[in-house]
Amino acid sequence: MVIQDPKSGQVTFICAINPAAKKVFLVGDFNEWNPAARRMVKVKDGTFRAKMDLEPGRYEYKFVVDELWITDPDSVDHISNPYGTMNSVVEVGFPGCDCGCDCE
């Protein structure tokens, strides 16, 4: 799941796949798919979260849960990748825009 703050534009990625996981990382084209670049933090409700400042645009991402690459089941958009699996997709809008488009 991905939540965007409409005022700041900050994006929160939420992984609720496995509350018993030991390590969860966020990977995507925003960090060159580096599985060690962005460790997610476990919060009281058992989910793992990571906040990021992303420029407006379209991004592909996955979660790495205890070394297993997983598509976000809560993502509404997915796209196939060159490895025969799917990536989750998130569209980040401009801060203050709530129309879901690429407007400024």
PDB file of N, CA and C in Angstrom:
ATOM      1  N   MET A   1       0.853  -1.172   0.000  1.00  0.00           N
ATOM      2  CA  MET A   1       0.000   0.000   0.000  1.00  0.00           C
ATOM      3  C   MET A   1       0.895   1.231   0.000  1.00  0.00           C
ATOM      4  N   VAL A   2       0.410   2.264  -0.675  1.00  0.00           N
ATOM      5  CA  VAL A   2       1.159   3.511  -0.749  1.00  0.00           C
ATOM      6  C   VAL A   2       0.215   4.649  -0.406  1.00  0.00           C
ATOM      7  N   ILE A   3       0.680   5.543   0.465  1.00  0.00           N
ATOM      8  CA  ILE A   3      -0.097   6.722   0.855  1.00  0.00           C
ATOM      9  C   ILE A   3       0.750   7.949   0.566  1.00  0.00           C
ATOM     10  N   GLN A   4       0.153   8.928  -0.100  1.00  0.00           N
ATOM     11  CA  GLN A   4       0.865  10.173  -0.383  1.00  0.00           C
ATOM     12  C   GLN A   4       0.248  11.299   0.419  1.00  0.00           C
ATOM     13  N   ASP A   5       1.083  12.081   1.094  1.00  0.00           N
ATOM     14  CA  ASP A   5       0.637  13.268   1.804  1.00  0.00           C
ATOM     15  C   ASP A   5       0.400  14.361   0.774  1.00  0.00           C
ATOM     16  N   PRO A   6      -0.840  14.829   0.617  1.00  0.00           N
ATOM     17  CA  PRO A   6      -1.132  15.800  -0.440  1.00  0.00           C
ATOM     18  C   PRO A   6      -0.449  17.155  -0.256  1.00  0.00           C
ATOM     19  N   LYS A   7      -0.081  17.500   0.961  1.00  0.00           N
ATOM     20  CA  LYS A   7       0.564  18.796   1.188  1.00  0.00           C
ATOM     21  C   LYS A   7       2.062  18.743   0.933  1.00  0.00           C
ATOM     22  N   SER A   8       2.730  17.736   1.488  1.00  0.00           N
ATOM     23  CA  SER A   8       4.183  17.665   1.349  1.00  0.00           C
ATOM     24  C   SER A   8       4.626  16.870   0.131  1.00  0.00           C
ATOM     25  N   GLY A   9       3.761  15.996  -0.351  1.00  0.00           N
ATOM     26  CA  GLY A   9       4.142  15.125  -1.449  1.00  0.00           C
ATOM     27  C   GLY A   9       4.909  13.897  -0.984  1.00  0.00           C
ATOM     28  N   GLN A  10       5.183  13.802   0.318  1.00  0.00           N
ATOM     29  CA  GLN A  10       5.921  12.658   0.843  1.00  0.00           C
ATOM     30  C   GLN A  10       5.081  11.385   0.680  1.00  0.00           C
ATOM     31  N   VAL A  11       5.756  10.302   0.323  1.00  0.00           N
ATOM     32  CA  VAL A  11       5.089   9.039   0.039  1.00  0.00           C
ATOM     33  C   VAL A  11       5.460   8.029   1.123  1.00  0.00           C
ATOM     34  N   THR A  12       4.451   7.341   1.669  1.00  0.00           N
ATOM     35  CA  THR A  12       4.676   6.285   2.652  1.00  0.00           C
ATOM     36  C   THR A  12       4.321   4.952   2.026  1.00  0.00           C
ATOM     37  N   PHE A  13       5.285   4.040   1.977  1.00  0.00           N
ATOM     38  CA  PHE A  13       5.062   2.681   1.494  1.00  0.00           C
ATOM     39  C   PHE A  13       4.790   1.812   2.712  1.00  0.00           C
ATOM     40  N   ILE A  14       3.759   0.985   2.633  1.00  0.00           N
ATOM     41  CA  ILE A  14       3.359   0.129   3.749  1.00  0.00           C
ATOM     42  C   ILE A  14       3.324  -1.315   3.277  1.00  0.00           C
ATOM     43  N   CYS A  15       4.060  -2.178   3.956  1.00  0.00           N
ATOM     44  CA  CYS A  15       4.093  -3.606   3.637  1.00  0.00           C
ATOM     45  C   CYS A  15       3.440  -4.365   4.786  1.00  0.00           C
ATOM     46  N   ALA A  16       2.297  -4.995   4.482  1.00  0.00           N
ATOM     47  CA  ALA A  16       1.561  -5.758   5.486  1.00  0.00           C
ATOM     48  C   ALA A  16       1.554  -7.246   5.145  1.00  0.00           C
ATOM     49  N   ILE A  17       2.521  -7.693   4.382  1.00  0.00           N
ATOM     50  CA  ILE A  17       2.545  -9.061   3.865  1.00  0.00           C
ATOM     51  C   ILE A  17       2.804 -10.095   4.953  1.00  0.00           C
ATOM     52  N   ASN A  18       3.801  -9.848   5.803  1.00  0.00           N
ATOM     53  CA  ASN A  18       4.182 -10.836   6.807  1.00  0.00           C
ATOM     54  C   ASN A  18       4.637 -10.140   8.083  1.00  0.00           C
ATOM     55  N   PRO A  19       3.738 -10.003   9.073  1.00  0.00           N
ATOM     56  CA  PRO A  19       4.127  -9.328  10.320  1.00  0.00           C
ATOM     57  C   PRO A  19       5.258 -10.031  11.076  1.00  0.00           C
ATOM     58  N   ALA A  20       5.492 -11.318  10.777  1.00  0.00           N
ATOM     59  CA  ALA A  20       6.562 -12.062  11.449  1.00  0.00           C
ATOM     60  C   ALA A  20       7.901 -11.930  10.729  1.00  0.00           C
ATOM     61  N   ALA A  21       7.944 -11.177   9.641  1.00  0.00           N
ATOM     62  CA  ALA A  21       9.192 -11.024   8.886  1.00  0.00           C
ATOM     63  C   ALA A  21      10.268 -10.389   9.746  1.00  0.00           C
ATOM     64  N   LYS A  22      11.508 -10.761   9.476  1.00  0.00           N
ATOM     65  CA  LYS A  22      12.630 -10.196  10.221  1.00  0.00           C
ATOM     66  C   LYS A  22      13.140  -8.917   9.575  1.00  0.00           C
ATOM     67  N   LYS A  23      13.220  -8.903   8.215  1.00  0.00           N
ATOM     68  CA  LYS A  23      13.711  -7.735   7.497  1.00  0.00           C
ATOM     69  C   LYS A  23      12.858  -7.510   6.258  1.00  0.00           C
ATOM     70  N   VAL A  24      12.482  -6.253   6.050  1.00  0.00           N
ATOM     71  CA  VAL A  24      11.752  -5.877   4.843  1.00  0.00           C
ATOM     72  C   VAL A  24      12.429  -4.639   4.262  1.00  0.00           C
ATOM     73  N   PHE A  25      12.682  -4.691   2.964  1.00  0.00           N
ATOM     74  CA  PHE A  25      13.293  -3.578   2.259  1.00  0.00           C
ATOM     75  C   PHE A  25      12.371  -3.128   1.134  1.00  0.00           C
ATOM     76  N   LEU A  26      12.434  -1.850   0.819  1.00  0.00           N
ATOM     77  CA  LEU A  26      11.703  -1.272  -0.296  1.00  0.00           C
ATOM     78  C   LEU A  26      12.676  -1.098  -1.448  1.00  0.00           C
ATOM     79  N   VAL A  27      12.341  -1.666  -2.614  1.00  0.00           N
ATOM     80  CA  VAL A  27      13.189  -1.532  -3.787  1.00  0.00           C
ATOM     81  C   VAL A  27      12.361  -1.007  -4.951  1.00  0.00           C
ATOM     82  N   GLY A  28      13.004  -0.285  -5.843  1.00  0.00           N
ATOM     83  CA  GLY A  28      12.296   0.225  -7.006  1.00  0.00           C
ATOM     84  C   GLY A  28      13.225   0.990  -7.914  1.00  0.00           C
ATOM     85  N   ASP A  29      12.632   1.529  -8.976  1.00  0.00           N
ATOM     86  CA  ASP A  29      13.459   2.291  -9.903  1.00  0.00           C
ATOM     87  C   ASP A  29      13.952   3.591  -9.284  1.00  0.00           C
ATOM     88  N   PHE A  30      13.386   4.004  -8.149  1.00  0.00           N
ATOM     89  CA  PHE A  30      13.834   5.202  -7.434  1.00  0.00           C
ATOM     90  C   PHE A  30      15.108   4.968  -6.643  1.00  0.00           C
ATOM     91  N   ASN A  31      15.505   3.705  -6.423  1.00  0.00           N
ATOM     92  CA  ASN A  31      16.771   3.426  -5.739  1.00  0.00           C
ATOM     93  C   ASN A  31      17.588   2.356  -6.480  1.00  0.00           C
ATOM     94  N   GLU A  32      17.370   2.310  -7.808  1.00  0.00           N
ATOM     95  CA  GLU A  32      18.110   1.411  -8.684  1.00  0.00           C
ATOM     96  C   GLU A  32      17.951  -0.056  -8.292  1.00  0.00           C
ATOM     97  N   TRP A  33      16.811  -0.407  -7.699  1.00  0.00           N
ATOM     98  CA  TRP A  33      16.469  -1.786  -7.321  1.00  0.00           C
ATOM     99  C   TRP A  33      17.495  -2.381  -6.357  1.00  0.00           C
ATOM    100  N   ASN A  34      18.104  -1.544  -5.545  1.00  0.00           N
ATOM    101  CA  ASN A  34      19.115  -1.988  -4.582  1.00  0.00           C
ATOM    102  C   ASN A  34      18.400  -2.567  -3.356  1.00  0.00           C
ATOM    103  N   PRO A  35      18.508  -3.883  -3.107  1.00  0.00           N
ATOM    104  CA  PRO A  35      17.777  -4.508  -2.007  1.00  0.00           C
ATOM    105  C   PRO A  35      18.271  -4.124  -0.612  1.00  0.00           C
ATOM    106  N   ALA A  36      19.336  -3.362  -0.520  1.00  0.00           N
ATOM    107  CA  ALA A  36      19.822  -2.925   0.789  1.00  0.00           C
ATOM    108  C   ALA A  36      19.694  -1.419   0.982  1.00  0.00           C
ATOM    109  N   ALA A  37      19.140  -0.715   0.001  1.00  0.00           N
ATOM    110  CA  ALA A  37      19.129   0.747   0.036  1.00  0.00           C
ATOM    111  C   ALA A  37      18.112   1.336   1.005  1.00  0.00           C
ATOM    112  N   ARG A  38      16.952   0.695   1.174  1.00  0.00           N
ATOM    113  CA  ARG A  38      15.898   1.307   1.987  1.00  0.00           C
ATOM    114  C   ARG A  38      15.217   0.258   2.859  1.00  0.00           C
ATOM    115  N   ARG A  39      15.733   0.101   4.078  1.00  0.00           N
ATOM    116  CA  ARG A  39      15.109  -0.832   5.019  1.00  0.00           C
ATOM    117  C   ARG A  39      13.837  -0.200   5.574  1.00  0.00           C
ATOM    118  N   MET A  40      12.786  -1.003   5.663  1.00  0.00           N
ATOM    119  CA  MET A  40      11.513  -0.528   6.191  1.00  0.00           C
ATOM    120  C   MET A  40      11.479  -0.765   7.701  1.00  0.00           C
ATOM    121  N   VAL A  41      10.724   0.073   8.407  1.00  0.00           N
ATOM    122  CA  VAL A  41      10.655   0.018   9.867  1.00  0.00           C
ATOM    123  C   VAL A  41       9.346  -0.648  10.281  1.00  0.00           C
ATOM    124  N   LYS A  42       9.441  -1.599  11.204  1.00  0.00           N
ATOM    125  CA  LYS A  42       8.241  -2.263  11.723  1.00  0.00           C
ATOM    126  C   LYS A  42       7.580  -1.366  12.761  1.00  0.00           C
ATOM    127  N   VAL A  43       6.262  -1.179  12.634  1.00  0.00           N
ATOM    128  CA  VAL A  43       5.517  -0.344  13.568  1.00  0.00           C
ATOM    129  C   VAL A  43       4.578  -1.211  14.409  1.00  0.00           C
ATOM    130  N   LYS A  44       3.915  -0.602  15.398  1.00  0.00           N
ATOM    131  CA  LYS A  44       3.104  -1.336  16.365  1.00  0.00           C
ATOM    132  C   LYS A  44       2.032  -2.234  15.759  1.00  0.00           C
ATOM    133  N   ASP A  45       1.459  -1.827  14.618  1.00  0.00           N
ATOM    134  CA  ASP A  45       0.392  -2.635  14.025  1.00  0.00           C
ATOM    135  C   ASP A  45       0.916  -3.847  13.243  1.00  0.00           C
ATOM    136  N   GLY A  46       2.237  -4.050  13.234  1.00  0.00           N
ATOM    137  CA  GLY A  46       2.835  -5.203  12.574  1.00  0.00           C
ATOM    138  C   GLY A  46       3.224  -4.962  11.127  1.00  0.00           C
ATOM    139  N   THR A  47       2.901  -3.792  10.589  1.00  0.00           N
ATOM    140  CA  THR A  47       3.292  -3.478   9.222  1.00  0.00           C
ATOM    141  C   THR A  47       4.692  -2.883   9.201  1.00  0.00           C
ATOM    142  N   PHE A  48       5.285  -2.898   8.034  1.00  0.00           N
ATOM    143  CA  PHE A  48       6.588  -2.278   7.815  1.00  0.00           C
ATOM    144  C   PHE A  48       6.355  -1.043   6.970  1.00  0.00           C
ATOM    145  N   ARG A  49       7.035   0.056   7.300  1.00  0.00           N
ATOM    146  CA  ARG A  49       6.814   1.327   6.605  1.00  0.00           C
ATOM    147  C   ARG A  49       8.117   2.009   6.244  1.00  0.00           C
ATOM    148  N   ALA A  50       8.046   2.764   5.156  1.00  0.00           N
ATOM    149  CA  ALA A  50       9.174   3.587   4.719  1.00  0.00           C
ATOM    150  C   ALA A  50       8.608   4.842   4.078  1.00  0.00           C
ATOM    151  N   LYS A  51       9.094   6.005   4.502  1.00  0.00           N
ATOM    152  CA  LYS A  51       8.687   7.284   3.919  1.00  0.00           C
ATOM    153  C   LYS A  51       9.774   7.752   2.966  1.00  0.00           C
ATOM    154  N   MET A  52       9.317   8.323   1.846  1.00  0.00           N
ATOM    155  CA  MET A  52      10.266   8.823   0.855  1.00  0.00           C
ATOM    156  C   MET A  52       9.750  10.108   0.249  1.00  0.00           C
ATOM    157  N   ASP A  53      10.677  10.962  -0.130  1.00  0.00           N
ATOM    158  CA  ASP A  53      10.349  12.151  -0.912  1.00  0.00           C
ATOM    159  C   ASP A  53      10.632  11.788  -2.361  1.00  0.00           C
ATOM    160  N   LEU A  54       9.584  11.690  -3.167  1.00  0.00           N
ATOM    161  CA  LEU A  54       9.737  11.345  -4.571  1.00  0.00           C
ATOM    162  C   LEU A  54       9.194  12.473  -5.430  1.00  0.00           C
ATOM    163  N   GLU A  55       9.879  12.729  -6.516  1.00  0.00           N
ATOM    164  CA  GLU A  55       9.398  13.705  -7.484  1.00  0.00           C
ATOM    165  C   GLU A  55       8.127  13.158  -8.127  1.00  0.00           C
ATOM    166  N   PRO A  56       7.243  14.031  -8.584  1.00  0.00           N
ATOM    167  CA  PRO A  56       6.050  13.554  -9.279  1.00  0.00           C
ATOM    168  C   PRO A  56       6.441  12.676 -10.471  1.00  0.00           C
ATOM    169  N   GLY A  57       5.703  11.585 -10.641  1.00  0.00           N
ATOM    170  CA  GLY A  57       5.981  10.672 -11.746  1.00  0.00           C
ATOM    171  C   GLY A  57       5.477   9.280 -11.445  1.00  0.00           C
ATOM    172  N   ARG A  58       5.843   8.370 -12.301  1.00  0.00           N
ATOM    173  CA  ARG A  58       5.416   6.974 -12.201  1.00  0.00           C
ATOM    174  C   ARG A  58       6.612   6.135 -11.779  1.00  0.00           C
ATOM    175  N   TYR A  59       6.430   5.292 -10.764  1.00  0.00           N
ATOM    176  CA  TYR A  59       7.514   4.482 -10.225  1.00  0.00           C
ATOM    177  C   TYR A  59       7.093   3.020 -10.113  1.00  0.00           C
ATOM    178  N   GLU A  60       8.040   2.126 -10.378  1.00  0.00           N
ATOM    179  CA  GLU A  60       7.840   0.700 -10.173  1.00  0.00           C
ATOM    180  C   GLU A  60       8.589   0.316  -8.895  1.00  0.00           C
ATOM    181  N   TYR A  61       8.000  -0.626  -8.140  1.00  0.00           N
ATOM    182  CA  TYR A  61       8.617  -1.022  -6.875  1.00  0.00           C
ATOM    183  C   TYR A  61       8.205  -2.430  -6.476  1.00  0.00           C
ATOM    184  N   LYS A  62       8.921  -2.964  -5.487  1.00  0.00           N
ATOM    185  CA  LYS A  62       8.604  -4.252  -4.857  1.00  0.00           C
ATOM    186  C   LYS A  62       9.060  -4.178  -3.397  1.00  0.00           C
ATOM    187  N   PHE A  63       8.617  -5.153  -2.623  1.00  0.00           N
ATOM    188  CA  PHE A  63       9.111  -5.343  -1.269  1.00  0.00           C
ATOM    189  C   PHE A  63      10.019  -6.570  -1.267  1.00  0.00           C
ATOM    190  N   VAL A  64      11.118  -6.497  -0.506  1.00  0.00           N
ATOM    191  CA  VAL A  64      11.979  -7.656  -0.304  1.00  0.00           C
ATOM    192  C   VAL A  64      11.766  -8.083   1.147  1.00  0.00           C
ATOM    193  N   VAL A  65      11.015  -9.173   1.310  1.00  0.00           N
ATOM    194  CA  VAL A  65      10.627  -9.664   2.633  1.00  0.00           C
ATOM    195  C   VAL A  65      11.471 -10.893   2.945  1.00  0.00           C
ATOM    196  N   ASP A  66      12.375 -10.749   3.912  1.00  0.00           N
ATOM    197  CA  ASP A  66      13.304 -11.832   4.254  1.00  0.00           C
ATOM    198  C   ASP A  66      13.913 -12.446   2.989  1.00  0.00           C
ATOM    199  N   GLU A  67      14.418 -11.583   2.117  1.00  0.00           N
ATOM    200  CA  GLU A  67      15.132 -11.907   0.884  1.00  0.00           C
ATOM    201  C   GLU A  67      14.244 -12.402  -0.259  1.00  0.00           C
ATOM    202  N   LEU A  68      12.933 -12.433  -0.079  1.00  0.00           N
ATOM    203  CA  LEU A  68      12.004 -12.831  -1.127  1.00  0.00           C
ATOM    204  C   LEU A  68      11.372 -11.585  -1.740  1.00  0.00           C
ATOM    205  N   TRP A  69      11.521 -11.412  -3.060  1.00  0.00           N
ATOM    206  CA  TRP A  69      10.998 -10.240  -3.755  1.00  0.00           C
ATOM    207  C   TRP A  69       9.506 -10.429  -3.996  1.00  0.00           C
ATOM    208  N   ILE A  70       8.684  -9.494  -3.475  1.00  0.00           N
ATOM    209  CA  ILE A  70       7.233  -9.638  -3.501  1.00  0.00           C
ATOM    210  C   ILE A  70       6.572  -8.380  -4.050  1.00  0.00           C
ATOM    211  N   THR A  71       5.593  -8.586  -4.917  1.00  0.00           N
ATOM    212  CA  THR A  71       4.783  -7.491  -5.428  1.00  0.00           C
ATOM    213  C   THR A  71       3.822  -7.054  -4.327  1.00  0.00           C
ATOM    214  N   ASP A  72       3.550  -5.770  -4.238  1.00  0.00           N
ATOM    215  CA  ASP A  72       2.622  -5.231  -3.249  1.00  0.00           C
ATOM    216  C   ASP A  72       1.203  -5.687  -3.592  1.00  0.00           C
ATOM    217  N   PRO A  73       0.591  -6.544  -2.760  1.00  0.00           N
ATOM    218  CA  PRO A  73      -0.758  -7.027  -3.076  1.00  0.00           C
ATOM    219  C   PRO A  73      -1.821  -5.926  -2.990  1.00  0.00           C
ATOM    220  N   ASP A  74      -1.513  -4.821  -2.336  1.00  0.00           N
ATOM    221  CA  ASP A  74      -2.469  -3.720  -2.205  1.00  0.00           C
ATOM    222  C   ASP A  74      -2.341  -2.694  -3.329  1.00  0.00           C
ATOM    223  N   SER A  75      -1.364  -2.859  -4.209  1.00  0.00           N
ATOM    224  CA  SER A  75      -1.193  -1.928  -5.320  1.00  0.00           C
ATOM    225  C   SER A  75      -2.291  -2.166  -6.358  1.00  0.00           C
ATOM    226  N   VAL A  76      -2.857  -1.081  -6.868  1.00  0.00           N
ATOM    227  CA  VAL A  76      -3.917  -1.212  -7.870  1.00  0.00           C
ATOM    228  C   VAL A  76      -3.357  -1.353  -9.280  1.00  0.00           C
ATOM    229  N   ASP A  77      -2.074  -1.106  -9.455  1.00  0.00           N
ATOM    230  CA  ASP A  77      -1.476  -1.169 -10.781  1.00  0.00           C
ATOM    231  C   ASP A  77      -0.198  -2.002 -10.732  1.00  0.00           C
ATOM    232  N   HIS A  78      -0.056  -2.897 -11.699  1.00  0.00           N
ATOM    233  CA  HIS A  78       1.126  -3.747 -11.813  1.00  0.00           C
ATOM    234  C   HIS A  78       1.579  -3.765 -13.270  1.00  0.00           C
ATOM    235  N   ILE A  79       2.855  -4.064 -13.477  1.00  0.00           N
ATOM    236  CA  ILE A  79       3.403  -4.162 -14.824  1.00  0.00           C
ATOM    237  C   ILE A  79       4.413  -5.310 -14.845  1.00  0.00           C
ATOM    238  N   SER A  80       4.462  -6.025 -15.954  1.00  0.00           N
ATOM    239  CA  SER A  80       5.420  -7.126 -16.051  1.00  0.00           C
ATOM    240  C   SER A  80       6.837  -6.568 -16.175  1.00  0.00           C
ATOM    241  N   ASN A  81       7.790  -7.358 -15.691  1.00  0.00           N
ATOM    242  CA  ASN A  81       9.194  -6.955 -15.758  1.00  0.00           C
ATOM    243  C   ASN A  81       9.981  -7.968 -16.596  1.00  0.00           C
ATOM    244  N   PRO A  82      11.238  -7.696 -16.901  1.00  0.00           N
ATOM    245  CA  PRO A  82      12.026  -8.595 -17.754  1.00  0.00           C
ATOM    246  C   PRO A  82      12.326  -9.956 -17.129  1.00  0.00           C
ATOM    247  N   TYR A  83      11.986 -10.144 -15.851  1.00  0.00           N
ATOM    248  CA  TYR A  83      12.288 -11.395 -15.156  1.00  0.00           C
ATOM    249  C   TYR A  83      11.100 -12.344 -15.103  1.00  0.00           C
ATOM    250  N   GLY A  84      10.023 -11.987 -15.794  1.00  0.00           N
ATOM    251  CA  GLY A  84       8.850 -12.855 -15.842  1.00  0.00           C
ATOM    252  C   GLY A  84       7.942 -12.729 -14.638  1.00  0.00           C
ATOM    253  N   THR A  85       8.146 -11.704 -13.830  1.00  0.00           N
ATOM    254  CA  THR A  85       7.272 -11.458 -12.689  1.00  0.00           C
ATOM    255  C   THR A  85       6.648 -10.072 -12.848  1.00  0.00           C
ATOM    256  N   MET A  86       5.945  -9.635 -11.849  1.00  0.00           N
ATOM    257  CA  MET A  86       5.272  -8.341 -11.894  1.00  0.00           C
ATOM    258  C   MET A  86       5.914  -7.369 -10.910  1.00  0.00           C
ATOM    259  N   ASN A  87       5.880  -6.084 -11.259  1.00  0.00           N
ATOM    260  CA  ASN A  87       6.268  -5.000 -10.360  1.00  0.00           C
ATOM    261  C   ASN A  87       5.011  -4.222 -10.001  1.00  0.00           C
ATOM    262  N   SER A  88       4.968  -3.676  -8.818  1.00  0.00           N
ATOM    263  CA  SER A  88       3.898  -2.768  -8.427  1.00  0.00           C
ATOM    264  C   SER A  88       4.215  -1.399  -9.004  1.00  0.00           C
ATOM    265  N   VAL A  89       3.182  -0.599  -9.236  1.00  0.00           N
ATOM    266  CA  VAL A  89       3.350   0.726  -9.816  1.00  0.00           C
ATOM    267  C   VAL A  89       2.644   1.741  -8.924  1.00  0.00           C
ATOM    268  N   VAL A  90       3.305   2.888  -8.709  1.00  0.00           N
ATOM    269  CA  VAL A  90       2.695   3.989  -7.978  1.00  0.00           C
ATOM    270  C   VAL A  90       2.868   5.265  -8.799  1.00  0.00           C
ATOM    271  N   GLU A  91       1.806   6.044  -8.853  1.00  0.00           N
ATOM    272  CA  GLU A  91       1.832   7.353  -9.514  1.00  0.00           C
ATOM    273  C   GLU A  91       1.895   8.407  -8.422  1.00  0.00           C
ATOM    274  N   VAL A  92       2.939   9.213  -8.435  1.00  0.00           N
ATOM    275  CA  VAL A  92       3.109  10.268  -7.440  1.00  0.00           C
ATOM    276  C   VAL A  92       2.713  11.587  -8.096  1.00  0.00           C
ATOM    277  N   GLY A  93       1.769  12.280  -7.462  1.00  0.00           N
ATOM    278  CA  GLY A  93       1.306  13.555  -7.994  1.00  0.00           C
ATOM    279  C   GLY A  93       2.073  14.724  -7.412  1.00  0.00           C
ATOM    280  N   PHE A  94       1.748  15.903  -7.878  1.00  0.00           N
ATOM    281  CA  PHE A  94       2.362  17.116  -7.363  1.00  0.00           C
ATOM    282  C   PHE A  94       1.764  17.448  -6.005  1.00  0.00           C
ATOM    283  N   PRO A  95       2.553  17.972  -5.051  1.00  0.00           N
ATOM    284  CA  PRO A  95       2.000  18.376  -3.756  1.00  0.00           C
ATOM    285  C   PRO A  95       0.845  19.363  -3.954  1.00  0.00           C
ATOM    286  N   GLY A  96      -0.236  19.119  -3.222  1.00  0.00           N
ATOM    287  CA  GLY A  96      -1.396  19.997  -3.296  1.00  0.00           C
ATOM    288  C   GLY A  96      -2.383  19.602  -4.385  1.00  0.00           C
ATOM    289  N   CYS A  97      -2.001  18.691  -5.264  1.00  0.00           N
ATOM    290  CA  CYS A  97      -2.896  18.254  -6.343  1.00  0.00           C
ATOM    291  C   CYS A  97      -3.614  17.000  -5.893  1.00  0.00           C
ATOM    292  N   ASP A  98      -4.918  16.995  -5.987  1.00  0.00           N
ATOM    293  CA  ASP A  98      -5.674  15.811  -5.609  1.00  0.00           C
ATOM    294  C   ASP A  98      -6.471  15.244  -6.780  1.00  0.00           C
ATOM    295  N   CYS A  99      -6.111  15.650  -8.002  1.00  0.00           N
ATOM    296  CA  CYS A  99      -6.873  15.199  -9.154  1.00  0.00           C
ATOM    297  C   CYS A  99      -6.319  13.907  -9.762  1.00  0.00           C
ATOM    298  N   GLY A 100      -5.153  13.439  -9.315  1.00  0.00           N
ATOM    299  CA  GLY A 100      -4.594  12.201  -9.807  1.00  0.00           C
ATOM    300  C   GLY A 100      -3.919  12.309 -11.166  1.00  0.00           C
ATOM    301  N   CYS A 101      -3.667  13.507 -11.621  1.00  0.00           N
ATOM    302  CA  CYS A 101      -3.046  13.680 -12.934  1.00  0.00           C
ATOM    303  C   CYS A 101      -1.611  14.194 -12.757  1.00  0.00           C
ATOM    304  N   ASP A 102      -0.977  14.541 -13.850  1.00  0.00           N
ATOM    305  CA  ASP A 102       0.382  15.074 -13.821  1.00  0.00           C
ATOM    306  C   ASP A 102       0.419  16.590 -13.882  1.00  0.00           C
ATOM    307  N   CYS A 103      -0.591  17.232 -13.353  1.00  0.00           N
ATOM    308  CA  CYS A 103      -0.652  18.709 -13.429  1.00  0.00           C
ATOM    309  C   CYS A 103       0.310  19.340 -12.432  1.00  0.00           C
ATOM    310  N   GLU A 104       0.533  20.596 -12.617  1.00  0.00           N
ATOM    311  CA  GLU A 104       1.410  21.339 -11.701  1.00  0.00           C
ATOM    312  C   GLU A 104       0.595  22.316 -10.883  1.00  0.00           C
TER     313      GLU A 104
END
